[in-house]
N, C-alpha and C. Protein backbone atom coordinates (compact mmCIF):
# COMPACT_ATOMS: atom_id res chain seq x y z
N MET A 1 14.17 -13.62 6.81
CA MET A 1 12.79 -13.17 6.86
C MET A 1 12.74 -11.67 6.61
N ASN A 2 11.76 -11.23 5.84
CA ASN A 2 11.61 -9.82 5.52
C ASN A 2 11.04 -9.05 6.69
N LYS A 3 11.49 -7.82 6.82
CA LYS A 3 10.92 -6.94 7.84
C LYS A 3 9.53 -6.52 7.40
N MET A 4 8.60 -6.51 8.35
CA MET A 4 7.22 -6.13 8.05
C MET A 4 6.97 -4.72 8.57
N TYR A 5 6.30 -3.92 7.77
CA TYR A 5 5.99 -2.54 8.10
C TYR A 5 4.50 -2.36 8.29
N GLU A 6 4.14 -1.39 9.12
CA GLU A 6 2.74 -1.04 9.34
C GLU A 6 2.37 0.12 8.43
N ILE A 7 1.09 0.45 8.44
CA ILE A 7 0.59 1.58 7.63
C ILE A 7 1.35 2.86 7.97
N LYS A 8 1.59 3.11 9.25
CA LYS A 8 2.26 4.36 9.63
C LYS A 8 3.68 4.42 9.06
N ASP A 9 4.35 3.27 8.96
CA ASP A 9 5.69 3.24 8.38
C ASP A 9 5.65 3.51 6.87
N VAL A 10 4.64 2.96 6.22
CA VAL A 10 4.46 3.20 4.79
C VAL A 10 4.16 4.68 4.56
N ALA A 11 3.32 5.25 5.42
CA ALA A 11 2.96 6.67 5.30
C ALA A 11 4.19 7.56 5.43
N ILE A 12 5.05 7.23 6.37
CA ILE A 12 6.28 8.02 6.55
C ILE A 12 7.14 7.92 5.28
N ARG A 13 7.24 6.71 4.76
CA ARG A 13 8.06 6.51 3.56
C ARG A 13 7.50 7.25 2.35
N LEU A 14 6.17 7.32 2.26
CA LEU A 14 5.53 8.01 1.14
C LEU A 14 5.30 9.49 1.40
N ASN A 15 5.66 9.93 2.59
CA ASN A 15 5.49 11.32 2.98
C ASN A 15 4.02 11.75 2.90
N ARG A 16 3.16 10.88 3.46
CA ARG A 16 1.72 11.13 3.47
C ARG A 16 1.18 10.82 4.86
N HIS A 17 -0.03 11.26 5.10
CA HIS A 17 -0.69 10.99 6.37
C HIS A 17 -1.20 9.54 6.38
N PRO A 18 -1.14 8.86 7.52
CA PRO A 18 -1.60 7.46 7.56
C PRO A 18 -3.05 7.27 7.10
N ARG A 19 -3.93 8.21 7.41
CA ARG A 19 -5.32 8.09 6.94
C ARG A 19 -5.40 8.13 5.42
N THR A 20 -4.60 8.98 4.82
CA THR A 20 -4.58 9.08 3.36
C THR A 20 -4.05 7.78 2.75
N VAL A 21 -3.02 7.21 3.36
CA VAL A 21 -2.47 5.95 2.86
C VAL A 21 -3.52 4.85 2.98
N ARG A 22 -4.23 4.79 4.11
CA ARG A 22 -5.30 3.79 4.28
C ARG A 22 -6.36 3.93 3.19
N LYS A 23 -6.76 5.18 2.93
CA LYS A 23 -7.78 5.44 1.89
C LYS A 23 -7.25 5.02 0.52
N ASP A 24 -6.01 5.35 0.22
CA ASP A 24 -5.42 4.98 -1.07
C ASP A 24 -5.33 3.47 -1.23
N ILE A 25 -4.96 2.77 -0.15
CA ILE A 25 -4.84 1.32 -0.21
C ILE A 25 -6.22 0.69 -0.43
N LYS A 26 -7.24 1.22 0.23
CA LYS A 26 -8.59 0.70 0.01
C LYS A 26 -9.03 0.89 -1.43
N GLU A 27 -8.72 2.03 -2.01
CA GLU A 27 -9.06 2.28 -3.41
C GLU A 27 -8.29 1.33 -4.33
N LEU A 28 -7.01 1.09 -4.02
CA LEU A 28 -6.22 0.17 -4.82
C LEU A 28 -6.72 -1.27 -4.69
N GLN A 29 -7.19 -1.64 -3.49
CA GLN A 29 -7.75 -2.98 -3.29
C GLN A 29 -8.98 -3.19 -4.17
N LEU A 30 -9.79 -2.15 -4.33
CA LEU A 30 -10.96 -2.26 -5.19
C LEU A 30 -10.56 -2.36 -6.67
N LYS A 31 -9.54 -1.61 -7.03
CA LYS A 31 -9.11 -1.58 -8.42
C LYS A 31 -8.30 -2.83 -8.80
N PHE A 32 -7.51 -3.35 -7.85
CA PHE A 32 -6.67 -4.52 -8.07
C PHE A 32 -6.96 -5.58 -7.00
N PRO A 33 -8.09 -6.29 -7.12
CA PRO A 33 -8.50 -7.21 -6.06
C PRO A 33 -7.56 -8.41 -5.84
N GLN A 34 -6.79 -8.78 -6.84
CA GLN A 34 -5.90 -9.94 -6.71
C GLN A 34 -4.47 -9.57 -6.32
N GLU A 35 -4.19 -8.30 -6.09
CA GLU A 35 -2.83 -7.84 -5.77
C GLU A 35 -2.46 -8.24 -4.34
N SER A 36 -1.48 -9.13 -4.21
CA SER A 36 -1.10 -9.64 -2.88
C SER A 36 -0.43 -8.57 -2.02
N ALA A 37 0.20 -7.59 -2.64
CA ALA A 37 0.87 -6.53 -1.87
C ALA A 37 -0.11 -5.71 -1.05
N LEU A 38 -1.39 -5.75 -1.41
CA LEU A 38 -2.41 -4.97 -0.71
C LEU A 38 -3.20 -5.80 0.29
N ARG A 39 -2.91 -7.08 0.40
CA ARG A 39 -3.75 -7.97 1.20
C ARG A 39 -2.99 -8.79 2.24
N THR A 40 -1.74 -8.51 2.52
CA THR A 40 -0.98 -9.29 3.49
C THR A 40 -1.33 -8.85 4.89
N LYS A 41 -1.93 -9.78 5.64
CA LYS A 41 -2.35 -9.45 7.00
C LYS A 41 -1.62 -10.35 8.00
N VAL A 42 -1.29 -9.78 9.13
CA VAL A 42 -0.80 -10.52 10.28
C VAL A 42 -1.83 -10.25 11.37
N GLY A 43 -2.60 -11.26 11.69
CA GLY A 43 -3.73 -11.05 12.58
C GLY A 43 -4.78 -10.25 11.82
N LYS A 44 -5.21 -9.15 12.41
CA LYS A 44 -6.22 -8.29 11.77
C LYS A 44 -5.60 -7.13 11.00
N ARG A 45 -4.29 -6.95 11.13
CA ARG A 45 -3.66 -5.75 10.58
C ARG A 45 -2.90 -6.02 9.30
N LEU A 46 -2.96 -5.04 8.40
CA LEU A 46 -2.17 -5.11 7.17
C LEU A 46 -0.70 -4.90 7.50
N ARG A 47 0.15 -5.68 6.87
CA ARG A 47 1.59 -5.54 7.00
C ARG A 47 2.19 -5.51 5.60
N PHE A 48 3.32 -4.84 5.48
CA PHE A 48 3.94 -4.65 4.18
C PHE A 48 5.43 -4.92 4.26
N THR A 49 5.97 -5.53 3.20
CA THR A 49 7.41 -5.71 3.08
C THR A 49 7.94 -4.60 2.16
N GLU A 50 9.25 -4.56 1.99
CA GLU A 50 9.84 -3.58 1.06
C GLU A 50 9.28 -3.77 -0.35
N GLN A 51 9.14 -5.02 -0.76
CA GLN A 51 8.62 -5.30 -2.10
C GLN A 51 7.17 -4.82 -2.22
N HIS A 52 6.39 -5.00 -1.18
CA HIS A 52 5.00 -4.52 -1.19
C HIS A 52 4.96 -3.01 -1.34
N ILE A 53 5.81 -2.32 -0.60
CA ILE A 53 5.84 -0.86 -0.65
C ILE A 53 6.21 -0.38 -2.05
N GLU A 54 7.20 -1.04 -2.65
CA GLU A 54 7.59 -0.68 -4.02
C GLU A 54 6.43 -0.91 -4.99
N ARG A 55 5.71 -2.00 -4.81
CA ARG A 55 4.57 -2.30 -5.68
C ARG A 55 3.45 -1.28 -5.48
N ILE A 56 3.20 -0.88 -4.25
CA ILE A 56 2.18 0.14 -3.96
C ILE A 56 2.55 1.46 -4.64
N ILE A 57 3.83 1.81 -4.60
CA ILE A 57 4.28 3.03 -5.28
C ILE A 57 4.02 2.92 -6.78
N GLU A 58 4.31 1.76 -7.36
CA GLU A 58 4.04 1.55 -8.79
C GLU A 58 2.56 1.69 -9.11
N LEU A 59 1.73 1.05 -8.29
CA LEU A 59 0.28 1.10 -8.52
C LEU A 59 -0.25 2.52 -8.38
N CYS A 60 0.24 3.25 -7.39
CA CYS A 60 -0.20 4.65 -7.21
C CYS A 60 0.24 5.51 -8.37
N SER A 61 1.46 5.31 -8.85
CA SER A 61 1.93 6.13 -9.97
C SER A 61 1.16 5.79 -11.24
N ASN A 62 0.81 4.50 -11.43
CA ASN A 62 -0.01 4.13 -12.59
C ASN A 62 -1.40 4.73 -12.49
N GLN A 63 -1.96 4.73 -11.29
CA GLN A 63 -3.29 5.29 -11.07
C GLN A 63 -3.28 6.79 -11.37
N ASN A 64 -2.24 7.48 -10.93
CA ASN A 64 -2.14 8.92 -11.18
C ASN A 64 -1.95 9.20 -12.67
N ALA A 65 -1.22 8.36 -13.38
CA ALA A 65 -1.00 8.53 -14.81
C ALA A 65 -2.31 8.32 -15.57
N ASP A 66 -3.13 7.37 -15.09
CA ASP A 66 -4.43 7.12 -15.74
C ASP A 66 -5.39 8.29 -15.59
N GLN A 67 -5.27 9.02 -14.49
CA GLN A 67 -6.20 10.13 -14.22
C GLN A 67 -5.89 11.35 -15.07
N THR A 68 -4.64 11.51 -15.51
CA THR A 68 -4.28 12.70 -16.30
C THR A 68 -4.53 12.52 -17.76
């Protein structure tokens, strides 16, 4: 079974504040509504695996490339 991470763990890994990560994930959810890496919940809380975190990094880097 994969280890599940919380927003604060993802924020530490991305070297960002948890509020910023939450805001970025909400923006990504709007842009990519079918992306499962952004929608995995355990109870009411979002949880992430290593693969989800890697996918979020890809989506963020693509989003930043689109803005430039």
